[in-house]
Amino acid sequence: MKIQEIREIIKLVDNSSINEFSYEFDGVKVKMKKNASGSSQPAAAVQPKSVEEPAQAPAPAAPKQAETVEVAPTEQPVQTEAPETDNASNEDLHKILSPMVGTFYQSPSPEEDSYVAVGTKVSADQVVCIVEAMKLFNEIEAEVDGEIAEILVKDGQLVEYGQPLFLVKAN
C-alpha cells in the first residue's frame, strides 16, 4: 500500500460520517478511528513485522503472520498554535500542516543544513522539511510564498496527521 493511498483513505474517512475504518490486504492492516472532535486519526498501519514492548518477555515461536499494533490516540490534544504567540498575529500566518503521521526532519541528512530557519524566505513549491512514514521520506512544501515565522516542532520529533509544523508569514 502506497503512502498516497493511505492519505486518500484518511481524507475519505475524515470527510465521511463513519467513525471507524479497517482494511486488510496481503498482510498489511490499516485501522482508523475518529476521535471525539470528528477528525480521523490513523490507529495503525502495520507491516508484517513483529513489534514488541521492551518490558514484555519474548513470546514462543508461532507461525508467521501479520500482527496488529494498535496506536492509541494521545490523551493530550495536538498543539495547534504556538504557545508564545498571540492570536492576533496568528491570524496573519499560514500553517504548514503535516499530511501524515511520521518523523519530522529539518534537513535531507544529518550532515546537511536545515531546509529552512526562522526568517527564511520561501516560495510555494520550496521544500521546507521531510516527514518519514513507513521508511518513505516525504518532502513537505511551503504551500505559500512568504517568510518562516516559527518552527513548531523539533528535528526528529514524531508528528501527527494535521499537526502544524511551521507558521509562515505569507506575502
N, C-alpha and C. Protein backbone atom coordinates (compact mmCIF):
# COMPACT_ATOMS: atom_id res chain seq x y z
N MET A 1 0.85 -1.17 0.00
CA MET A 1 0.00 0.00 0.00
C MET A 1 0.90 1.24 0.00
N LYS A 2 0.62 2.16 -0.88
CA LYS A 2 1.42 3.37 -1.00
C LYS A 2 0.94 4.44 -0.03
N ILE A 3 1.83 5.33 0.34
CA ILE A 3 1.52 6.39 1.30
C ILE A 3 0.41 7.29 0.75
N GLN A 4 0.40 7.54 -0.54
CA GLN A 4 -0.65 8.37 -1.15
C GLN A 4 -2.02 7.71 -1.00
N GLU A 5 -2.07 6.38 -1.12
CA GLU A 5 -3.34 5.68 -0.94
C GLU A 5 -3.82 5.81 0.50
N ILE A 6 -2.89 5.73 1.45
CA ILE A 6 -3.25 5.89 2.87
C ILE A 6 -3.77 7.30 3.11
N ARG A 7 -3.11 8.30 2.53
CA ARG A 7 -3.58 9.69 2.67
C ARG A 7 -5.00 9.83 2.15
N GLU A 8 -5.28 9.23 1.00
CA GLU A 8 -6.62 9.33 0.42
C GLU A 8 -7.66 8.66 1.31
N ILE A 9 -7.31 7.52 1.88
CA ILE A 9 -8.22 6.83 2.79
C ILE A 9 -8.50 7.70 4.01
N ILE A 10 -7.45 8.33 4.56
CA ILE A 10 -7.62 9.21 5.72
C ILE A 10 -8.57 10.35 5.39
N LYS A 11 -8.39 10.97 4.22
CA LYS A 11 -9.27 12.07 3.82
C LYS A 11 -10.72 11.59 3.67
N LEU A 12 -10.91 10.43 3.05
CA LEU A 12 -12.26 9.90 2.85
C LEU A 12 -12.93 9.61 4.18
N VAL A 13 -12.21 8.98 5.10
CA VAL A 13 -12.78 8.68 6.42
C VAL A 13 -13.08 9.97 7.16
N ASP A 14 -12.16 10.94 7.08
CA ASP A 14 -12.35 12.21 7.76
C ASP A 14 -13.59 12.95 7.26
N ASN A 15 -13.86 12.87 5.97
CA ASN A 15 -14.99 13.59 5.39
C ASN A 15 -16.29 12.80 5.42
N SER A 16 -16.25 11.56 5.90
CA SER A 16 -17.46 10.74 5.94
C SER A 16 -18.07 10.75 7.33
N SER A 17 -19.21 10.08 7.45
CA SER A 17 -19.89 10.00 8.74
C SER A 17 -19.50 8.75 9.52
N ILE A 18 -18.64 7.91 8.95
CA ILE A 18 -18.23 6.70 9.68
C ILE A 18 -17.23 7.08 10.77
N ASN A 19 -17.23 6.30 11.86
CA ASN A 19 -16.35 6.57 12.99
C ASN A 19 -15.15 5.64 13.04
N GLU A 20 -15.24 4.51 12.34
CA GLU A 20 -14.14 3.54 12.39
C GLU A 20 -13.99 2.89 11.02
N PHE A 21 -12.74 2.62 10.63
CA PHE A 21 -12.45 2.02 9.34
C PHE A 21 -11.33 1.01 9.53
N SER A 22 -11.46 -0.16 8.92
CA SER A 22 -10.43 -1.19 8.99
C SER A 22 -10.25 -1.79 7.60
N TYR A 23 -9.00 -2.01 7.20
CA TYR A 23 -8.69 -2.55 5.88
C TYR A 23 -7.51 -3.50 6.01
N GLU A 24 -7.62 -4.68 5.44
CA GLU A 24 -6.52 -5.64 5.49
C GLU A 24 -6.35 -6.25 4.10
N PHE A 25 -5.09 -6.27 3.65
CA PHE A 25 -4.80 -6.86 2.34
C PHE A 25 -3.35 -7.29 2.32
N ASP A 26 -3.10 -8.50 1.92
CA ASP A 26 -1.75 -9.02 1.70
C ASP A 26 -0.83 -8.80 2.91
N GLY A 27 -1.35 -9.08 4.11
CA GLY A 27 -0.53 -8.98 5.31
C GLY A 27 -0.38 -7.59 5.88
N VAL A 28 -1.00 -6.58 5.28
CA VAL A 28 -0.93 -5.22 5.78
C VAL A 28 -2.33 -4.85 6.29
N LYS A 29 -2.38 -4.31 7.50
CA LYS A 29 -3.66 -3.95 8.08
C LYS A 29 -3.64 -2.48 8.47
N VAL A 30 -4.69 -1.75 8.10
CA VAL A 30 -4.82 -0.33 8.43
C VAL A 30 -6.13 -0.17 9.18
N LYS A 31 -6.05 0.47 10.36
CA LYS A 31 -7.25 0.77 11.15
C LYS A 31 -7.25 2.25 11.45
N MET A 32 -8.42 2.87 11.33
CA MET A 32 -8.56 4.29 11.67
C MET A 32 -9.82 4.46 12.49
N LYS A 33 -9.73 5.32 13.49
CA LYS A 33 -10.89 5.68 14.30
C LYS A 33 -10.92 7.19 14.42
N LYS A 34 -12.10 7.75 14.35
CA LYS A 34 -12.23 9.19 14.55
C LYS A 34 -12.20 9.46 16.04
N ASN A 35 -11.52 10.55 16.41
CA ASN A 35 -11.52 10.93 17.82
C ASN A 35 -12.77 11.75 18.11
N ALA A 36 -12.89 12.24 19.33
CA ALA A 36 -14.10 12.95 19.76
C ALA A 36 -14.39 14.19 18.93
N SER A 37 -13.34 14.85 18.40
CA SER A 37 -13.56 16.08 17.64
C SER A 37 -14.02 15.79 16.22
N GLY A 38 -14.00 14.52 15.79
CA GLY A 38 -14.53 14.18 14.48
C GLY A 38 -13.50 14.01 13.40
N SER A 39 -12.23 14.33 13.68
CA SER A 39 -11.23 14.14 12.64
C SER A 39 -10.62 12.76 12.79
N SER A 40 -10.25 12.17 11.67
CA SER A 40 -9.72 10.81 11.73
C SER A 40 -8.27 10.82 12.18
N GLN A 41 -7.90 9.73 12.80
CA GLN A 41 -6.52 9.58 13.26
C GLN A 41 -6.12 8.16 12.93
N PRO A 42 -5.04 7.99 12.17
CA PRO A 42 -4.64 6.63 11.85
C PRO A 42 -4.34 5.87 13.13
N ALA A 43 -4.96 4.73 13.30
CA ALA A 43 -4.73 3.95 14.51
C ALA A 43 -3.55 3.01 14.31
N ALA A 44 -3.41 2.43 13.13
CA ALA A 44 -2.27 1.55 12.91
C ALA A 44 -2.10 1.30 11.43
N ALA A 45 -0.88 1.25 11.01
CA ALA A 45 -0.53 0.82 9.67
C ALA A 45 0.58 -0.18 9.89
N VAL A 46 0.30 -1.45 9.69
CA VAL A 46 1.21 -2.49 10.13
C VAL A 46 1.80 -3.22 8.95
N GLN A 47 3.09 -3.40 9.01
CA GLN A 47 3.78 -4.25 8.06
C GLN A 47 3.89 -5.62 8.72
N PRO A 48 4.15 -6.66 7.98
CA PRO A 48 4.19 -7.98 8.60
C PRO A 48 5.43 -8.20 9.46
N LYS A 49 5.81 -7.24 10.25
CA LYS A 49 6.93 -7.38 11.17
C LYS A 49 6.37 -7.42 12.58
N SER A 50 7.03 -8.08 13.46
CA SER A 50 6.60 -8.16 14.84
C SER A 50 7.15 -6.97 15.61
N VAL A 51 6.31 -6.29 16.39
CA VAL A 51 6.71 -5.17 17.22
C VAL A 51 6.37 -5.54 18.65
N GLU A 52 7.37 -5.54 19.53
CA GLU A 52 7.14 -5.91 20.91
C GLU A 52 7.49 -4.77 21.83
N GLU A 53 6.81 -4.69 22.97
CA GLU A 53 7.15 -3.73 24.00
C GLU A 53 8.42 -4.22 24.69
N PRO A 54 9.34 -3.32 25.08
CA PRO A 54 10.58 -3.74 25.71
C PRO A 54 10.36 -4.49 27.02
N ALA A 55 9.27 -4.22 27.74
CA ALA A 55 9.05 -4.84 29.03
C ALA A 55 8.52 -6.27 28.89
N GLN A 56 8.07 -6.67 27.71
CA GLN A 56 7.50 -7.99 27.53
C GLN A 56 8.59 -9.03 27.29
N ALA A 57 8.36 -10.22 27.77
CA ALA A 57 9.28 -11.32 27.50
C ALA A 57 8.99 -11.84 26.10
N PRO A 58 10.00 -12.38 25.41
CA PRO A 58 9.77 -12.90 24.07
C PRO A 58 8.72 -14.00 24.09
N ALA A 59 7.82 -13.95 23.13
CA ALA A 59 6.77 -14.97 23.03
C ALA A 59 7.34 -16.20 22.34
N PRO A 60 6.78 -17.36 22.62
CA PRO A 60 7.26 -18.57 21.94
C PRO A 60 7.02 -18.46 20.44
N ALA A 61 7.83 -19.16 19.66
CA ALA A 61 7.73 -19.09 18.21
C ALA A 61 6.36 -19.56 17.76
N ALA A 62 5.79 -18.84 16.83
CA ALA A 62 4.47 -19.17 16.29
C ALA A 62 4.55 -19.05 14.78
N PRO A 63 3.58 -19.58 14.07
CA PRO A 63 3.60 -19.42 12.61
C PRO A 63 3.60 -17.94 12.26
N LYS A 64 4.35 -17.59 11.21
CA LYS A 64 4.46 -16.18 10.83
C LYS A 64 3.16 -15.70 10.22
N GLN A 65 2.71 -14.56 10.72
CA GLN A 65 1.53 -13.89 10.18
C GLN A 65 1.61 -12.44 10.55
N ALA A 66 0.82 -11.64 9.92
CA ALA A 66 0.83 -10.20 10.21
C ALA A 66 0.27 -9.97 11.61
N GLU A 67 0.94 -9.15 12.37
CA GLU A 67 0.46 -8.81 13.69
C GLU A 67 -0.06 -7.39 13.66
N THR A 68 -1.07 -7.13 14.46
CA THR A 68 -1.66 -5.80 14.51
C THR A 68 -1.10 -5.06 15.71
N VAL A 69 -0.67 -3.84 15.46
CA VAL A 69 -0.19 -2.98 16.53
C VAL A 69 -1.14 -1.80 16.61
N GLU A 70 -1.78 -1.63 17.74
CA GLU A 70 -2.71 -0.51 17.93
C GLU A 70 -1.92 0.69 18.44
N VAL A 71 -2.12 1.82 17.83
CA VAL A 71 -1.52 3.06 18.30
C VAL A 71 -2.65 3.88 18.89
N ALA A 72 -2.65 4.01 20.19
CA ALA A 72 -3.73 4.72 20.86
C ALA A 72 -3.59 6.22 20.62
N PRO A 73 -4.71 6.91 20.47
CA PRO A 73 -4.65 8.37 20.33
C PRO A 73 -4.02 8.98 21.59
N THR A 74 -3.29 10.04 21.40
CA THR A 74 -2.68 10.69 22.54
C THR A 74 -3.76 11.30 23.41
N GLU A 75 -3.52 11.32 24.72
CA GLU A 75 -4.51 11.86 25.63
C GLU A 75 -4.53 13.38 25.57
N GLN A 76 -3.40 13.99 25.23
CA GLN A 76 -3.36 15.43 25.15
C GLN A 76 -3.70 15.83 23.72
N PRO A 77 -4.46 16.92 23.56
CA PRO A 77 -4.80 17.36 22.20
C PRO A 77 -3.54 17.84 21.48
N VAL A 78 -3.56 17.68 20.17
CA VAL A 78 -2.43 18.13 19.36
C VAL A 78 -2.34 19.65 19.47
N GLN A 79 -1.14 20.13 19.69
CA GLN A 79 -0.94 21.58 19.81
C GLN A 79 -1.17 22.21 18.45
N THR A 80 -2.11 23.15 18.39
CA THR A 80 -2.44 23.75 17.11
C THR A 80 -1.88 25.16 16.96
N GLU A 81 -1.46 25.76 18.04
CA GLU A 81 -0.88 27.10 17.96
C GLU A 81 0.37 27.15 18.81
N ALA A 82 1.29 27.99 18.41
CA ALA A 82 2.49 28.18 19.21
C ALA A 82 2.11 28.84 20.52
N PRO A 83 2.62 28.34 21.66
CA PRO A 83 2.19 28.87 22.94
C PRO A 83 2.64 30.31 23.21
N GLU A 84 3.71 30.77 22.56
CA GLU A 84 4.25 32.07 22.89
C GLU A 84 3.86 33.16 21.89
N THR A 85 2.90 32.89 21.01
CA THR A 85 2.44 33.91 20.07
C THR A 85 1.00 34.23 20.39
N ASP A 86 0.60 35.46 20.15
CA ASP A 86 -0.78 35.83 20.45
C ASP A 86 -1.68 35.55 19.26
N ASN A 87 -2.98 35.44 19.51
CA ASN A 87 -3.93 35.05 18.47
C ASN A 87 -4.03 36.07 17.35
N ALA A 88 -3.85 37.35 17.65
CA ALA A 88 -3.95 38.38 16.62
C ALA A 88 -2.88 38.19 15.55
N SER A 89 -1.66 37.86 15.96
CA SER A 89 -0.59 37.66 14.98
C SER A 89 -0.74 36.33 14.25
N ASN A 90 -1.35 35.30 14.89
CA ASN A 90 -1.54 34.00 14.25
C ASN A 90 -2.53 34.06 13.11
N GLU A 91 -3.46 35.01 13.14
CA GLU A 91 -4.45 35.12 12.08
C GLU A 91 -3.80 35.46 10.74
N ASP A 92 -2.66 36.16 10.77
CA ASP A 92 -1.97 36.55 9.55
C ASP A 92 -1.01 35.47 9.06
N LEU A 93 -0.84 34.40 9.82
CA LEU A 93 0.15 33.38 9.49
C LEU A 93 -0.51 32.15 8.88
N HIS A 94 0.17 31.58 7.89
CA HIS A 94 -0.27 30.34 7.26
C HIS A 94 0.39 29.18 7.99
N LYS A 95 -0.37 28.15 8.31
CA LYS A 95 0.17 26.97 8.98
C LYS A 95 0.49 25.91 7.93
N ILE A 96 1.70 25.40 7.97
CA ILE A 96 2.05 24.26 7.14
C ILE A 96 1.80 23.04 8.01
N LEU A 97 0.86 22.18 7.59
CA LEU A 97 0.43 21.03 8.37
C LEU A 97 1.09 19.75 7.89
N SER A 98 1.27 18.82 8.81
CA SER A 98 1.80 17.51 8.44
C SER A 98 0.71 16.73 7.71
N PRO A 99 1.00 16.21 6.52
CA PRO A 99 -0.01 15.46 5.77
C PRO A 99 -0.13 14.01 6.23
N MET A 100 0.68 13.62 7.24
CA MET A 100 0.69 12.22 7.67
C MET A 100 1.32 12.10 9.05
N VAL A 101 1.18 10.94 9.62
CA VAL A 101 1.88 10.60 10.86
C VAL A 101 3.28 10.16 10.48
N GLY A 102 4.29 10.66 11.18
CA GLY A 102 5.65 10.26 10.87
C GLY A 102 6.65 11.01 11.72
N THR A 103 7.91 10.97 11.29
CA THR A 103 9.00 11.64 11.99
C THR A 103 9.43 12.86 11.18
N PHE A 104 9.52 14.00 11.85
CA PHE A 104 9.87 15.28 11.24
C PHE A 104 11.39 15.44 11.17
N TYR A 105 11.89 15.80 9.99
CA TYR A 105 13.32 16.09 9.83
C TYR A 105 13.48 17.44 9.15
N GLN A 106 14.36 18.30 9.69
CA GLN A 106 14.58 19.63 9.15
C GLN A 106 15.56 19.66 7.99
N SER A 107 16.34 18.58 7.80
CA SER A 107 17.34 18.57 6.73
C SER A 107 17.29 17.25 5.98
N PRO A 108 17.85 17.22 4.77
CA PRO A 108 17.81 16.00 3.97
C PRO A 108 18.67 14.88 4.55
N SER A 109 19.69 15.22 5.34
CA SER A 109 20.51 14.23 6.03
C SER A 109 21.14 14.90 7.25
N PRO A 110 21.60 14.11 8.21
CA PRO A 110 22.18 14.70 9.43
C PRO A 110 23.39 15.60 9.17
N GLU A 111 24.13 15.37 8.10
CA GLU A 111 25.32 16.16 7.80
C GLU A 111 25.01 17.48 7.12
N GLU A 112 23.80 17.63 6.59
CA GLU A 112 23.45 18.82 5.82
C GLU A 112 22.69 19.83 6.66
N ASP A 113 22.69 21.09 6.17
CA ASP A 113 21.98 22.17 6.85
C ASP A 113 20.47 21.97 6.72
N SER A 114 19.72 22.63 7.60
CA SER A 114 18.26 22.58 7.56
C SER A 114 17.75 23.21 6.27
N TYR A 115 16.58 22.74 5.82
CA TYR A 115 15.97 23.33 4.64
C TYR A 115 15.67 24.81 4.88
N VAL A 116 15.09 25.12 6.05
CA VAL A 116 14.72 26.49 6.37
C VAL A 116 14.99 26.77 7.85
N ALA A 117 15.05 28.06 8.18
CA ALA A 117 15.16 28.52 9.56
C ALA A 117 14.19 29.69 9.71
N VAL A 118 13.97 30.13 10.94
CA VAL A 118 13.11 31.29 11.15
C VAL A 118 13.71 32.48 10.40
N GLY A 119 12.87 33.16 9.61
CA GLY A 119 13.33 34.29 8.81
C GLY A 119 13.64 33.95 7.36
N THR A 120 13.68 32.66 7.02
CA THR A 120 13.97 32.23 5.65
C THR A 120 12.80 32.57 4.73
N LYS A 121 13.09 33.18 3.58
CA LYS A 121 12.08 33.45 2.56
C LYS A 121 11.84 32.15 1.80
N VAL A 122 10.56 31.80 1.60
CA VAL A 122 10.22 30.56 0.90
C VAL A 122 9.23 30.85 -0.22
N SER A 123 9.26 29.97 -1.23
CA SER A 123 8.27 30.02 -2.29
C SER A 123 7.31 28.85 -2.10
N ALA A 124 6.18 28.89 -2.76
CA ALA A 124 5.13 27.90 -2.55
C ALA A 124 5.59 26.47 -2.82
N ASP A 125 6.47 26.28 -3.79
CA ASP A 125 6.90 24.92 -4.13
C ASP A 125 8.25 24.53 -3.51
N GLN A 126 8.72 25.31 -2.57
CA GLN A 126 10.01 25.04 -1.93
C GLN A 126 9.84 24.01 -0.81
N VAL A 127 10.75 23.03 -0.75
CA VAL A 127 10.74 22.01 0.30
C VAL A 127 11.20 22.65 1.61
N VAL A 128 10.42 22.45 2.68
CA VAL A 128 10.76 23.03 3.98
C VAL A 128 11.18 21.97 5.00
N CYS A 129 10.80 20.70 4.77
CA CYS A 129 11.17 19.62 5.68
C CYS A 129 10.84 18.29 5.04
N ILE A 130 11.14 17.22 5.79
CA ILE A 130 10.81 15.86 5.38
C ILE A 130 10.03 15.22 6.52
N VAL A 131 8.98 14.46 6.17
CA VAL A 131 8.29 13.64 7.16
C VAL A 131 8.47 12.19 6.70
N GLU A 132 9.11 11.40 7.56
CA GLU A 132 9.34 9.98 7.25
C GLU A 132 8.17 9.17 7.78
N ALA A 133 7.57 8.38 6.90
CA ALA A 133 6.48 7.49 7.29
C ALA A 133 6.70 6.15 6.61
N MET A 134 6.76 5.11 7.38
CA MET A 134 6.93 3.74 6.86
C MET A 134 8.14 3.64 5.93
N LYS A 135 9.26 4.20 6.36
CA LYS A 135 10.53 4.16 5.63
C LYS A 135 10.52 4.95 4.32
N LEU A 136 9.49 5.76 4.12
CA LEU A 136 9.43 6.65 2.95
C LEU A 136 9.65 8.07 3.42
N PHE A 137 10.53 8.80 2.73
CA PHE A 137 10.83 10.18 3.09
C PHE A 137 10.03 11.10 2.18
N ASN A 138 9.06 11.79 2.77
CA ASN A 138 8.13 12.64 2.02
C ASN A 138 8.51 14.10 2.18
N GLU A 139 8.82 14.76 1.08
CA GLU A 139 9.19 16.17 1.11
C GLU A 139 7.93 17.01 1.28
N ILE A 140 7.97 17.94 2.24
CA ILE A 140 6.83 18.82 2.50
C ILE A 140 7.17 20.20 1.96
N GLU A 141 6.26 20.75 1.16
CA GLU A 141 6.49 22.05 0.53
C GLU A 141 5.80 23.16 1.32
N ALA A 142 6.25 24.39 1.11
CA ALA A 142 5.77 25.55 1.86
C ALA A 142 4.30 25.89 1.58
N GLU A 143 3.80 25.62 0.42
CA GLU A 143 2.41 25.86 0.01
C GLU A 143 2.09 27.33 -0.26
N VAL A 144 2.86 28.27 0.29
CA VAL A 144 2.64 29.70 0.07
C VAL A 144 3.98 30.40 -0.05
N ASP A 145 3.98 31.56 -0.72
CA ASP A 145 5.17 32.40 -0.74
C ASP A 145 5.18 33.21 0.55
N GLY A 146 6.33 33.33 1.18
CA GLY A 146 6.40 34.11 2.40
C GLY A 146 7.70 33.91 3.15
N GLU A 147 7.62 34.11 4.47
CA GLU A 147 8.79 34.02 5.34
C GLU A 147 8.45 33.13 6.53
N ILE A 148 9.35 32.22 6.87
CA ILE A 148 9.14 31.32 8.02
C ILE A 148 9.12 32.18 9.29
N ALA A 149 7.98 32.17 9.99
CA ALA A 149 7.84 32.95 11.23
C ALA A 149 8.20 32.11 12.45
N GLU A 150 7.87 30.80 12.39
CA GLU A 150 8.15 29.95 13.54
C GLU A 150 8.18 28.49 13.10
N ILE A 151 9.09 27.73 13.72
CA ILE A 151 9.15 26.28 13.52
C ILE A 151 8.56 25.67 14.78
N LEU A 152 7.47 24.92 14.63
CA LEU A 152 6.70 24.45 15.77
C LEU A 152 7.11 23.08 16.31
N VAL A 153 7.96 22.36 15.59
CA VAL A 153 8.39 21.03 16.05
C VAL A 153 9.91 20.93 15.99
N LYS A 154 10.44 19.99 16.74
CA LYS A 154 11.89 19.78 16.79
C LYS A 154 12.30 18.68 15.82
N ASP A 155 13.54 18.74 15.38
CA ASP A 155 14.09 17.74 14.48
C ASP A 155 14.02 16.36 15.14
N GLY A 156 13.50 15.37 14.42
CA GLY A 156 13.40 14.01 14.95
C GLY A 156 12.13 13.75 15.75
N GLN A 157 11.27 14.76 15.89
CA GLN A 157 10.04 14.62 16.68
C GLN A 157 8.98 13.88 15.87
N LEU A 158 8.19 13.04 16.55
CA LEU A 158 7.05 12.40 15.90
C LEU A 158 5.95 13.42 15.74
N VAL A 159 5.32 13.42 14.56
CA VAL A 159 4.23 14.35 14.28
C VAL A 159 2.98 13.58 13.90
N GLU A 160 1.84 14.18 14.15
CA GLU A 160 0.54 13.59 13.85
C GLU A 160 0.00 14.14 12.53
N TYR A 161 -0.98 13.46 11.98
CA TYR A 161 -1.68 13.93 10.79
C TYR A 161 -2.36 15.25 11.13
N GLY A 162 -2.13 16.30 10.34
CA GLY A 162 -2.76 17.59 10.54
C GLY A 162 -2.08 18.49 11.56
N GLN A 163 -0.99 18.03 12.15
CA GLN A 163 -0.28 18.85 13.15
C GLN A 163 0.48 19.98 12.46
N PRO A 164 0.36 21.21 12.97
CA PRO A 164 1.12 22.33 12.39
C PRO A 164 2.62 22.13 12.58
N LEU A 165 3.39 22.33 11.51
CA LEU A 165 4.84 22.19 11.55
C LEU A 165 5.53 23.56 11.55
N PHE A 166 5.00 24.48 10.73
CA PHE A 166 5.59 25.80 10.57
C PHE A 166 4.47 26.86 10.55
N LEU A 167 4.84 28.07 10.92
CA LEU A 167 4.00 29.24 10.69
C LEU A 167 4.74 30.10 9.67
N VAL A 168 4.03 30.48 8.61
CA VAL A 168 4.63 31.26 7.54
C VAL A 168 3.88 32.59 7.41
N LYS A 169 4.63 33.67 7.42
CA LYS A 169 4.04 34.99 7.17
C LYS A 169 3.94 35.13 5.65
N ALA A 170 2.73 34.99 5.13
CA ALA A 170 2.52 34.99 3.68
C ALA A 170 2.72 36.40 3.11
N ASN A 171 3.23 36.43 1.86
CA ASN A 171 3.42 37.71 1.16
C ASN A 171 2.11 38.22 0.61
